[in-house]
């Protein structure tokens, strides 16, 4: 097993965060890619998923899951989690949180943060940065932005490295690249 290191990769839509995150694990013989997005009856969405699949090395194992806490607890290989925004939206769906009743979501996020904090292996977790956008008009948009912002903050507090990817370029928020030994 690879040495413990948790990297949180933040960025906006189409910022290059996913491909940057993938490059961080490119040298590993085995990687478990934890995909959190659900298949939809949407051609654009299908193209996005296909693009992600094409970029991944053939020897990486893809696991479609929302059970991130369990996967982080005992990773058999380095993990790449793609991405937290999809996990959050689907978890809000699963826990009935779109009405504003967030107790089920809070239980799931506490479990996730605890598993992240204690994860013994190499983990790269990709998430959308929501703090630079406009304030959403809809209640569901505000719930999503607020909860993802809170979750990103909690995960960053326990990350060994935090990087914000803008226009494909990493901006290190914790641990500069010359100290990380990873690819840029």
N, C-alpha and C. Protein backbone atom coordinates (compact mmCIF):
# COMPACT_ATOMS: atom_id res chain seq x y z
N UNK A 1 0.84 -1.19 0.00
CA UNK A 1 0.00 0.00 0.00
C UNK A 1 0.88 1.24 0.00
N UNK A 2 0.43 2.25 -0.70
CA UNK A 2 1.13 3.52 -0.78
C UNK A 2 1.01 4.26 0.55
N UNK A 3 2.01 5.09 0.86
CA UNK A 3 1.99 5.87 2.09
C UNK A 3 0.78 6.78 2.16
N UNK A 4 0.34 7.04 3.37
CA UNK A 4 -0.82 7.89 3.60
C UNK A 4 -0.57 9.31 3.09
N UNK A 5 -1.47 9.80 2.28
CA UNK A 5 -1.47 11.20 1.85
C UNK A 5 -2.83 11.51 1.26
N UNK A 6 -3.46 12.57 1.76
CA UNK A 6 -4.78 12.98 1.31
C UNK A 6 -4.67 14.32 0.59
N UNK A 7 -5.07 14.33 -0.68
CA UNK A 7 -5.02 15.55 -1.49
C UNK A 7 -6.43 15.94 -1.90
N UNK A 8 -6.83 17.15 -1.53
CA UNK A 8 -8.12 17.70 -1.94
C UNK A 8 -7.86 18.61 -3.14
N UNK A 9 -8.54 18.31 -4.25
CA UNK A 9 -8.38 19.08 -5.49
C UNK A 9 -9.69 19.81 -5.75
N UNK A 10 -9.61 21.14 -5.71
CA UNK A 10 -10.78 21.98 -5.91
C UNK A 10 -10.67 22.70 -7.25
N UNK A 11 -11.81 23.06 -7.82
CA UNK A 11 -11.81 23.85 -9.04
C UNK A 11 -13.22 24.01 -9.56
N UNK A 12 -13.38 24.93 -10.46
CA UNK A 12 -14.67 25.17 -11.07
C UNK A 12 -14.96 24.18 -12.18
N UNK A 13 -16.13 24.31 -12.78
CA UNK A 13 -16.52 23.47 -13.90
C UNK A 13 -15.54 23.71 -15.05
N UNK A 14 -15.03 22.62 -15.63
CA UNK A 14 -14.10 22.66 -16.76
C UNK A 14 -12.80 23.40 -16.45
N UNK A 15 -12.40 23.37 -15.18
CA UNK A 15 -11.16 24.04 -14.77
C UNK A 15 -9.92 23.20 -15.04
N UNK A 16 -10.11 21.91 -15.34
CA UNK A 16 -8.99 21.00 -15.51
C UNK A 16 -8.66 20.22 -14.24
N UNK A 17 -9.51 20.34 -13.22
CA UNK A 17 -9.23 19.70 -11.93
C UNK A 17 -9.19 18.18 -12.03
N UNK A 18 -10.07 17.61 -12.83
CA UNK A 18 -10.14 16.14 -12.91
C UNK A 18 -8.91 15.58 -13.61
N UNK A 19 -8.53 16.15 -14.73
CA UNK A 19 -7.35 15.63 -15.43
C UNK A 19 -6.09 15.88 -14.61
N UNK A 20 -6.02 16.99 -13.89
CA UNK A 20 -4.88 17.26 -13.02
C UNK A 20 -4.82 16.20 -11.92
N UNK A 21 -5.96 15.90 -11.32
CA UNK A 21 -6.01 14.89 -10.26
C UNK A 21 -5.59 13.53 -10.79
N UNK A 22 -6.04 13.17 -11.97
CA UNK A 22 -5.67 11.88 -12.57
C UNK A 22 -4.16 11.78 -12.77
N UNK A 23 -3.53 12.86 -13.18
CA UNK A 23 -2.08 12.84 -13.39
C UNK A 23 -1.32 12.59 -12.09
N UNK A 24 -1.90 12.94 -10.95
CA UNK A 24 -1.22 12.74 -9.67
C UNK A 24 -1.05 11.26 -9.34
N UNK A 25 -1.88 10.41 -9.93
CA UNK A 25 -1.82 8.98 -9.65
C UNK A 25 -1.38 8.17 -10.87
N UNK A 26 -0.97 8.83 -11.92
CA UNK A 26 -0.63 8.16 -13.19
C UNK A 26 0.48 7.13 -13.05
N UNK A 27 1.39 7.31 -12.13
CA UNK A 27 2.51 6.38 -11.99
C UNK A 27 2.23 5.14 -11.18
N UNK A 28 1.05 5.02 -10.65
CA UNK A 28 0.73 3.86 -9.81
C UNK A 28 0.27 2.68 -10.66
N UNK A 29 0.68 1.48 -10.26
CA UNK A 29 0.28 0.26 -10.97
C UNK A 29 -1.21 -0.01 -10.85
N UNK A 30 -1.78 0.36 -9.72
CA UNK A 30 -3.21 0.13 -9.50
C UNK A 30 -3.81 1.38 -8.85
N UNK A 31 -4.96 1.77 -9.33
CA UNK A 31 -5.71 2.88 -8.76
C UNK A 31 -7.19 2.48 -8.79
N UNK A 32 -7.88 2.73 -7.69
CA UNK A 32 -9.32 2.55 -7.67
C UNK A 32 -9.95 3.92 -7.86
N UNK A 33 -10.69 4.07 -8.96
CA UNK A 33 -11.36 5.31 -9.33
C UNK A 33 -12.79 5.21 -8.83
N UNK A 34 -13.12 5.99 -7.81
CA UNK A 34 -14.45 5.95 -7.24
C UNK A 34 -15.31 7.00 -7.94
N UNK A 35 -16.18 6.53 -8.82
CA UNK A 35 -17.04 7.41 -9.61
C UNK A 35 -18.36 7.60 -8.88
N UNK A 36 -18.73 8.85 -8.65
CA UNK A 36 -19.94 9.14 -7.89
C UNK A 36 -21.11 9.61 -8.76
N UNK A 37 -20.85 9.87 -10.03
CA UNK A 37 -21.90 10.36 -10.93
C UNK A 37 -22.82 9.23 -11.35
N UNK A 38 -24.09 9.54 -11.44
CA UNK A 38 -25.07 8.57 -11.91
C UNK A 38 -25.24 8.72 -13.42
N UNK A 39 -25.49 7.60 -14.07
CA UNK A 39 -25.84 7.65 -15.49
C UNK A 39 -27.19 8.35 -15.61
N UNK A 40 -27.36 9.14 -16.67
CA UNK A 40 -28.62 9.84 -16.90
C UNK A 40 -29.01 9.68 -18.36
N UNK A 41 -30.25 9.95 -18.64
CA UNK A 41 -30.74 9.96 -20.02
C UNK A 41 -30.50 11.37 -20.57
N UNK A 42 -29.23 11.69 -20.79
CA UNK A 42 -28.81 13.03 -21.19
C UNK A 42 -27.55 12.88 -22.02
N UNK A 43 -27.61 13.23 -23.29
CA UNK A 43 -26.49 13.01 -24.20
C UNK A 43 -25.25 13.79 -23.78
N UNK A 44 -25.42 15.02 -23.32
CA UNK A 44 -24.26 15.81 -22.88
C UNK A 44 -23.58 15.16 -21.69
N UNK A 45 -24.39 14.70 -20.74
CA UNK A 45 -23.85 14.03 -19.55
C UNK A 45 -23.10 12.76 -19.95
N UNK A 46 -23.68 12.00 -20.87
CA UNK A 46 -23.04 10.77 -21.35
C UNK A 46 -21.69 11.08 -21.99
N UNK A 47 -21.60 12.17 -22.74
CA UNK A 47 -20.31 12.57 -23.34
C UNK A 47 -19.28 12.92 -22.28
N UNK A 48 -19.72 13.61 -21.23
CA UNK A 48 -18.79 13.97 -20.15
C UNK A 48 -18.24 12.72 -19.47
N UNK A 49 -19.12 11.77 -19.18
CA UNK A 49 -18.67 10.53 -18.54
C UNK A 49 -17.74 9.76 -19.47
N UNK A 50 -18.07 9.69 -20.74
CA UNK A 50 -17.23 9.00 -21.72
C UNK A 50 -15.85 9.64 -21.80
N UNK A 51 -15.79 10.97 -21.74
CA UNK A 51 -14.51 11.68 -21.77
C UNK A 51 -13.65 11.29 -20.57
N UNK A 52 -14.26 11.22 -19.41
CA UNK A 52 -13.53 10.81 -18.20
C UNK A 52 -13.03 9.38 -18.34
N UNK A 53 -13.86 8.50 -18.86
CA UNK A 53 -13.46 7.09 -19.02
C UNK A 53 -12.30 6.96 -20.00
N UNK A 54 -12.35 7.69 -21.10
CA UNK A 54 -11.26 7.63 -22.10
C UNK A 54 -9.93 8.07 -21.53
N UNK A 55 -9.95 9.05 -20.65
CA UNK A 55 -8.71 9.59 -20.08
C UNK A 55 -8.05 8.64 -19.09
N UNK A 56 -8.84 7.81 -18.45
CA UNK A 56 -8.29 6.94 -17.41
C UNK A 56 -7.48 5.81 -18.01
N UNK A 57 -6.35 5.46 -17.38
CA UNK A 57 -5.60 4.29 -17.83
C UNK A 57 -6.45 3.02 -17.73
N UNK A 58 -6.24 2.12 -18.66
CA UNK A 58 -7.04 0.88 -18.72
C UNK A 58 -6.88 0.02 -17.46
N UNK A 59 -5.73 0.10 -16.80
CA UNK A 59 -5.50 -0.74 -15.63
C UNK A 59 -6.12 -0.19 -14.35
N UNK A 60 -6.70 1.00 -14.39
CA UNK A 60 -7.40 1.51 -13.23
C UNK A 60 -8.74 0.82 -13.09
N UNK A 61 -9.12 0.53 -11.88
CA UNK A 61 -10.42 -0.10 -11.63
C UNK A 61 -11.44 0.99 -11.29
N UNK A 62 -12.54 1.01 -12.01
CA UNK A 62 -13.61 1.98 -11.76
C UNK A 62 -14.67 1.34 -10.88
N UNK A 63 -15.00 2.03 -9.81
CA UNK A 63 -16.03 1.57 -8.88
C UNK A 63 -17.09 2.66 -8.80
N UNK A 64 -18.29 2.36 -9.25
CA UNK A 64 -19.42 3.30 -9.16
C UNK A 64 -19.99 3.17 -7.76
N UNK A 65 -19.86 4.23 -6.93
CA UNK A 65 -20.30 4.10 -5.54
C UNK A 65 -20.58 5.45 -4.91
N UNK A 66 -21.45 5.42 -3.93
CA UNK A 66 -21.65 6.56 -3.04
C UNK A 66 -21.11 6.22 -1.65
N UNK A 67 -20.63 5.01 -1.47
CA UNK A 67 -20.14 4.55 -0.17
C UNK A 67 -18.68 4.96 0.03
N UNK A 68 -18.44 6.26 0.01
CA UNK A 68 -17.07 6.77 0.10
C UNK A 68 -16.43 6.52 1.46
N UNK A 69 -17.20 6.66 2.52
CA UNK A 69 -16.62 6.45 3.85
C UNK A 69 -16.07 5.04 3.99
N UNK A 70 -16.80 4.05 3.53
CA UNK A 70 -16.32 2.67 3.62
C UNK A 70 -15.08 2.47 2.76
N UNK A 71 -15.05 3.05 1.58
CA UNK A 71 -13.89 2.91 0.69
C UNK A 71 -12.66 3.58 1.27
N UNK A 72 -12.83 4.72 1.91
CA UNK A 72 -11.70 5.43 2.50
C UNK A 72 -11.13 4.72 3.72
N UNK A 73 -11.96 3.93 4.39
CA UNK A 73 -11.53 3.27 5.62
C UNK A 73 -10.45 2.23 5.39
N UNK A 74 -10.50 1.53 4.28
CA UNK A 74 -9.53 0.46 4.03
C UNK A 74 -9.25 0.36 2.53
N UNK A 75 -8.60 1.37 1.97
CA UNK A 75 -8.36 1.33 0.52
C UNK A 75 -7.32 0.26 0.15
N UNK A 76 -7.66 -0.62 -0.81
CA UNK A 76 -6.70 -1.64 -1.23
C UNK A 76 -5.64 -1.08 -2.18
N UNK A 77 -5.88 0.11 -2.69
CA UNK A 77 -4.99 0.76 -3.65
C UNK A 77 -5.19 2.26 -3.51
N UNK A 78 -4.33 3.07 -4.13
CA UNK A 78 -4.60 4.51 -4.14
C UNK A 78 -6.00 4.77 -4.70
N UNK A 79 -6.67 5.78 -4.15
CA UNK A 79 -8.03 6.11 -4.56
C UNK A 79 -8.07 7.48 -5.23
N UNK A 80 -8.87 7.58 -6.26
CA UNK A 80 -9.23 8.86 -6.83
C UNK A 80 -10.75 8.96 -6.75
N UNK A 81 -11.25 9.94 -6.02
CA UNK A 81 -12.69 10.13 -5.86
C UNK A 81 -13.12 11.25 -6.80
N UNK A 82 -14.04 10.93 -7.71
CA UNK A 82 -14.49 11.87 -8.73
C UNK A 82 -16.01 11.90 -8.73
N UNK A 83 -16.71 12.81 -8.28
CA UNK A 83 -16.30 13.92 -7.49
C UNK A 83 -17.27 14.16 -6.36
N UNK A 84 -16.90 15.04 -5.48
CA UNK A 84 -17.68 15.27 -4.28
C UNK A 84 -19.02 15.96 -4.56
N UNK A 85 -19.08 16.81 -5.56
CA UNK A 85 -20.34 17.47 -5.90
C UNK A 85 -21.42 16.48 -6.29
N UNK A 86 -21.06 15.49 -7.10
CA UNK A 86 -22.02 14.45 -7.47
C UNK A 86 -22.43 13.64 -6.25
N UNK A 87 -21.45 13.29 -5.42
CA UNK A 87 -21.75 12.54 -4.20
C UNK A 87 -22.75 13.33 -3.34
N UNK A 88 -22.49 14.62 -3.18
CA UNK A 88 -23.35 15.44 -2.33
C UNK A 88 -24.77 15.52 -2.89
N UNK A 89 -24.91 15.81 -4.16
CA UNK A 89 -26.25 15.91 -4.76
C UNK A 89 -27.02 14.60 -4.62
N UNK A 90 -26.35 13.49 -4.89
CA UNK A 90 -27.02 12.20 -4.78
C UNK A 90 -27.32 11.84 -3.33
N UNK A 91 -26.47 12.27 -2.41
CA UNK A 91 -26.72 12.00 -0.99
C UNK A 91 -27.86 12.87 -0.48
N UNK A 92 -27.95 14.11 -0.95
CA UNK A 92 -29.11 14.94 -0.59
C UNK A 92 -30.38 14.28 -1.12
N UNK A 93 -30.33 13.75 -2.34
CA UNK A 93 -31.48 13.01 -2.89
C UNK A 93 -31.85 11.84 -1.98
N UNK A 94 -30.84 11.05 -1.67
CA UNK A 94 -31.04 9.81 -0.91
C UNK A 94 -31.57 10.08 0.50
N UNK A 95 -31.17 11.22 1.10
CA UNK A 95 -31.57 11.51 2.48
C UNK A 95 -32.76 12.46 2.56
N UNK A 96 -33.32 12.85 1.41
CA UNK A 96 -34.48 13.73 1.40
C UNK A 96 -34.18 15.14 1.85
N UNK A 97 -32.99 15.62 1.59
CA UNK A 97 -32.57 16.92 2.10
C UNK A 97 -32.94 18.14 1.29
N UNK A 98 -33.51 17.97 0.13
CA UNK A 98 -33.82 19.15 -0.70
C UNK A 98 -34.89 20.04 -0.08
N UNK A 99 -35.67 19.52 0.88
CA UNK A 99 -36.68 20.34 1.57
C UNK A 99 -36.04 21.18 2.68
N UNK A 100 -34.77 20.93 2.96
CA UNK A 100 -34.10 21.66 4.04
C UNK A 100 -33.90 20.82 5.28
N UNK A 101 -34.45 19.60 5.31
CA UNK A 101 -34.23 18.68 6.44
C UNK A 101 -32.92 17.96 6.16
N UNK A 102 -31.86 18.40 6.83
CA UNK A 102 -30.51 17.95 6.49
C UNK A 102 -29.89 17.00 7.50
N UNK A 103 -30.66 16.48 8.44
CA UNK A 103 -30.08 15.61 9.46
C UNK A 103 -29.46 14.35 8.86
N UNK A 104 -30.13 13.73 7.89
CA UNK A 104 -29.56 12.54 7.24
C UNK A 104 -28.29 12.87 6.47
N UNK A 105 -28.29 14.00 5.81
CA UNK A 105 -27.08 14.44 5.09
C UNK A 105 -25.95 14.69 6.07
N UNK A 106 -26.24 15.33 7.18
CA UNK A 106 -25.20 15.64 8.16
C UNK A 106 -24.56 14.36 8.71
N UNK A 107 -25.35 13.33 8.93
CA UNK A 107 -24.81 12.04 9.37
C UNK A 107 -23.83 11.52 8.31
N UNK A 108 -24.23 11.56 7.05
CA UNK A 108 -23.37 11.06 5.97
C UNK A 108 -22.10 11.89 5.83
N UNK A 109 -22.19 13.21 5.99
CA UNK A 109 -20.99 14.03 5.85
C UNK A 109 -20.04 13.86 7.04
N UNK A 110 -20.59 13.67 8.23
CA UNK A 110 -19.73 13.40 9.40
C UNK A 110 -18.98 12.09 9.18
N UNK A 111 -19.66 11.08 8.68
CA UNK A 111 -19.01 9.79 8.40
C UNK A 111 -17.91 9.96 7.34
N UNK A 112 -18.20 10.73 6.31
CA UNK A 112 -17.21 10.95 5.25
C UNK A 112 -15.99 11.69 5.77
N UNK A 113 -16.20 12.76 6.50
CA UNK A 113 -15.07 13.54 7.03
C UNK A 113 -14.24 12.69 7.98
N UNK A 114 -14.88 11.90 8.82
CA UNK A 114 -14.16 11.02 9.75
C UNK A 114 -13.32 10.00 8.98
N UNK A 115 -13.90 9.40 7.95
CA UNK A 115 -13.17 8.41 7.14
C UNK A 115 -12.00 9.07 6.42
N UNK A 116 -12.20 10.27 5.90
CA UNK A 116 -11.13 11.03 5.23
C UNK A 116 -9.99 11.32 6.21
N UNK A 117 -10.35 11.78 7.39
CA UNK A 117 -9.34 12.12 8.41
C UNK A 117 -8.51 10.90 8.79
N UNK A 118 -9.13 9.72 8.83
CA UNK A 118 -8.44 8.51 9.28
C UNK A 118 -7.93 7.63 8.14
N UNK A 119 -8.21 7.96 6.92
CA UNK A 119 -7.84 7.09 5.80
C UNK A 119 -6.35 6.81 5.78
N UNK A 120 -5.95 5.55 5.71
CA UNK A 120 -4.55 5.19 5.84
C UNK A 120 -3.74 5.24 4.53
N UNK A 121 -4.38 5.47 3.41
CA UNK A 121 -3.68 5.35 2.14
C UNK A 121 -3.54 6.66 1.38
N UNK A 122 -3.27 6.52 0.10
CA UNK A 122 -3.14 7.66 -0.82
C UNK A 122 -4.51 7.91 -1.42
N UNK A 123 -5.04 9.11 -1.20
CA UNK A 123 -6.36 9.48 -1.70
C UNK A 123 -6.28 10.85 -2.36
N UNK A 124 -6.83 10.95 -3.56
CA UNK A 124 -7.01 12.22 -4.24
C UNK A 124 -8.51 12.41 -4.40
N UNK A 125 -9.04 13.47 -3.83
CA UNK A 125 -10.48 13.71 -3.85
C UNK A 125 -10.73 15.00 -4.63
N UNK A 126 -11.59 14.93 -5.64
CA UNK A 126 -11.92 16.06 -6.50
C UNK A 126 -13.26 16.66 -6.07
N UNK A 127 -13.30 17.99 -5.98
CA UNK A 127 -14.54 18.66 -5.61
C UNK A 127 -14.64 20.00 -6.33
N UNK A 128 -15.87 20.44 -6.52
CA UNK A 128 -16.09 21.76 -7.11
C UNK A 128 -15.90 22.83 -6.06
N UNK A 129 -15.26 23.92 -6.45
CA UNK A 129 -15.15 25.09 -5.59
C UNK A 129 -16.40 25.94 -5.84
N UNK A 130 -17.17 26.18 -4.80
CA UNK A 130 -18.42 26.91 -4.96
C UNK A 130 -18.34 28.32 -4.39
N UNK A 131 -17.24 28.69 -3.80
CA UNK A 131 -17.14 29.97 -3.12
C UNK A 131 -16.94 31.18 -3.99
N UNK A 132 -16.77 31.01 -5.28
CA UNK A 132 -16.49 32.15 -6.15
C UNK A 132 -17.66 32.50 -7.06
N UNK A 133 -18.75 31.79 -6.92
CA UNK A 133 -19.88 31.99 -7.82
C UNK A 133 -20.91 32.94 -7.26
N UNK A 134 -21.98 33.07 -8.00
CA UNK A 134 -23.08 33.91 -7.55
C UNK A 134 -23.90 33.15 -6.52
N UNK A 135 -24.67 33.87 -5.75
CA UNK A 135 -25.54 33.26 -4.76
C UNK A 135 -26.73 32.65 -5.50
N UNK A 136 -26.93 31.33 -5.40
CA UNK A 136 -28.01 30.69 -6.15
C UNK A 136 -29.39 31.25 -5.81
N UNK A 137 -30.25 31.34 -6.81
CA UNK A 137 -31.61 31.85 -6.63
C UNK A 137 -32.53 30.83 -5.96
N UNK A 138 -32.35 29.55 -6.29
CA UNK A 138 -33.28 28.54 -5.79
C UNK A 138 -32.84 28.00 -4.44
N UNK A 139 -33.80 27.50 -3.71
CA UNK A 139 -33.50 26.90 -2.40
C UNK A 139 -32.56 25.71 -2.57
N UNK A 140 -32.83 24.85 -3.56
CA UNK A 140 -31.97 23.68 -3.75
C UNK A 140 -30.55 24.11 -4.14
N UNK A 141 -30.43 25.16 -4.92
CA UNK A 141 -29.10 25.66 -5.28
C UNK A 141 -28.35 26.18 -4.07
N UNK A 142 -29.06 26.88 -3.18
CA UNK A 142 -28.42 27.38 -1.95
C UNK A 142 -28.03 26.23 -1.03
N UNK A 143 -28.91 25.24 -0.90
CA UNK A 143 -28.58 24.07 -0.07
C UNK A 143 -27.32 23.42 -0.60
N UNK A 144 -27.27 23.17 -1.92
CA UNK A 144 -26.10 22.51 -2.51
C UNK A 144 -24.84 23.33 -2.28
N UNK A 145 -24.87 24.62 -2.62
CA UNK A 145 -23.67 25.46 -2.49
C UNK A 145 -23.22 25.56 -1.04
N UNK A 146 -24.16 25.76 -0.13
CA UNK A 146 -23.81 25.88 1.29
C UNK A 146 -23.20 24.58 1.81
N UNK A 147 -23.83 23.46 1.50
CA UNK A 147 -23.35 22.18 2.02
C UNK A 147 -22.02 21.77 1.39
N UNK A 148 -21.84 22.03 0.10
CA UNK A 148 -20.56 21.69 -0.52
C UNK A 148 -19.45 22.59 0.03
N UNK A 149 -19.75 23.86 0.23
CA UNK A 149 -18.77 24.76 0.83
C UNK A 149 -18.35 24.30 2.22
N UNK A 150 -19.34 23.91 3.03
CA UNK A 150 -19.04 23.41 4.38
C UNK A 150 -18.19 22.13 4.32
N UNK A 151 -18.60 21.23 3.44
CA UNK A 151 -17.88 19.95 3.33
C UNK A 151 -16.46 20.15 2.82
N UNK A 152 -16.28 20.98 1.81
CA UNK A 152 -14.92 21.28 1.32
C UNK A 152 -14.05 21.83 2.44
N UNK A 153 -14.62 22.73 3.25
CA UNK A 153 -13.87 23.34 4.36
C UNK A 153 -13.45 22.28 5.38
N UNK A 154 -14.37 21.38 5.71
CA UNK A 154 -14.04 20.32 6.68
C UNK A 154 -12.98 19.37 6.13
N UNK A 155 -13.10 19.00 4.87
CA UNK A 155 -12.12 18.09 4.28
C UNK A 155 -10.76 18.76 4.16
N UNK A 156 -10.74 20.03 3.79
CA UNK A 156 -9.47 20.76 3.68
C UNK A 156 -8.75 20.83 5.02
N UNK A 157 -9.50 20.94 6.10
CA UNK A 157 -8.89 21.00 7.43
C UNK A 157 -8.11 19.74 7.77
N UNK A 158 -8.45 18.62 7.12
CA UNK A 158 -7.79 17.35 7.41
C UNK A 158 -6.99 16.82 6.23
N UNK A 159 -6.76 17.66 5.24
CA UNK A 159 -6.01 17.25 4.05
C UNK A 159 -4.52 17.51 4.25
N UNK A 160 -3.72 16.65 3.67
CA UNK A 160 -2.28 16.88 3.67
C UNK A 160 -1.90 17.92 2.62
N UNK A 161 -2.66 17.93 1.54
CA UNK A 161 -2.45 18.87 0.44
C UNK A 161 -3.80 19.38 -0.02
N UNK A 162 -3.85 20.65 -0.37
CA UNK A 162 -5.05 21.23 -0.97
C UNK A 162 -4.58 22.06 -2.16
N UNK A 163 -5.20 21.82 -3.30
CA UNK A 163 -4.83 22.55 -4.51
C UNK A 163 -6.10 23.03 -5.20
N UNK A 164 -6.04 24.26 -5.68
CA UNK A 164 -7.12 24.83 -6.47
C UNK A 164 -6.63 24.86 -7.92
N UNK A 165 -7.38 24.23 -8.82
CA UNK A 165 -6.98 24.20 -10.22
C UNK A 165 -7.82 25.23 -10.98
N UNK A 166 -7.11 26.15 -11.64
CA UNK A 166 -7.73 27.20 -12.43
C UNK A 166 -7.09 27.17 -13.81
N UNK A 167 -7.89 27.05 -14.85
CA UNK A 167 -7.40 27.01 -16.23
C UNK A 167 -6.32 25.93 -16.40
N UNK A 168 -6.52 24.81 -15.71
CA UNK A 168 -5.59 23.69 -15.81
C UNK A 168 -4.32 23.83 -14.98
N UNK A 169 -4.18 24.94 -14.27
CA UNK A 169 -2.96 25.20 -13.49
C UNK A 169 -3.23 25.06 -12.00
N UNK A 170 -2.33 24.36 -11.29
CA UNK A 170 -2.53 24.17 -9.85
C UNK A 170 -2.07 25.39 -9.05
N UNK A 171 -2.91 25.82 -8.16
CA UNK A 171 -2.56 26.85 -7.18
C UNK A 171 -2.57 26.16 -5.82
N UNK A 172 -1.41 26.02 -5.23
CA UNK A 172 -1.31 25.26 -3.99
C UNK A 172 -1.78 26.09 -2.81
N UNK A 173 -2.75 25.57 -2.09
CA UNK A 173 -3.28 26.21 -0.90
C UNK A 173 -2.63 25.63 0.36
N UNK A 174 -2.20 24.39 0.25
CA UNK A 174 -1.44 23.73 1.32
C UNK A 174 -0.43 22.82 0.66
N UNK A 175 0.82 22.90 1.06
CA UNK A 175 1.96 22.13 0.56
C UNK A 175 2.33 22.56 -0.86
N UNK A 176 3.35 23.35 -0.98
CA UNK A 176 3.78 23.80 -2.32
C UNK A 176 4.29 22.63 -3.16
N UNK A 177 4.19 22.73 -4.49
CA UNK A 177 4.56 21.61 -5.37
C UNK A 177 5.99 21.13 -5.19
N UNK A 178 6.92 22.00 -4.87
CA UNK A 178 8.31 21.56 -4.71
C UNK A 178 8.49 20.65 -3.50
N UNK A 179 7.53 20.69 -2.58
CA UNK A 179 7.60 19.81 -1.41
C UNK A 179 6.76 18.55 -1.60
N UNK A 180 5.85 18.57 -2.55
CA UNK A 180 4.93 17.43 -2.67
C UNK A 180 5.52 16.25 -3.43
N UNK A 181 6.45 16.51 -4.36
CA UNK A 181 7.06 15.44 -5.13
C UNK A 181 6.13 14.88 -6.20
N UNK A 182 4.97 15.46 -6.39
CA UNK A 182 4.03 14.97 -7.40
C UNK A 182 4.18 15.77 -8.68
N UNK A 183 3.56 15.22 -9.72
CA UNK A 183 3.55 15.88 -11.01
C UNK A 183 2.67 17.13 -10.94
N UNK A 184 3.01 18.10 -11.77
CA UNK A 184 2.16 19.29 -11.85
C UNK A 184 1.35 19.28 -13.09
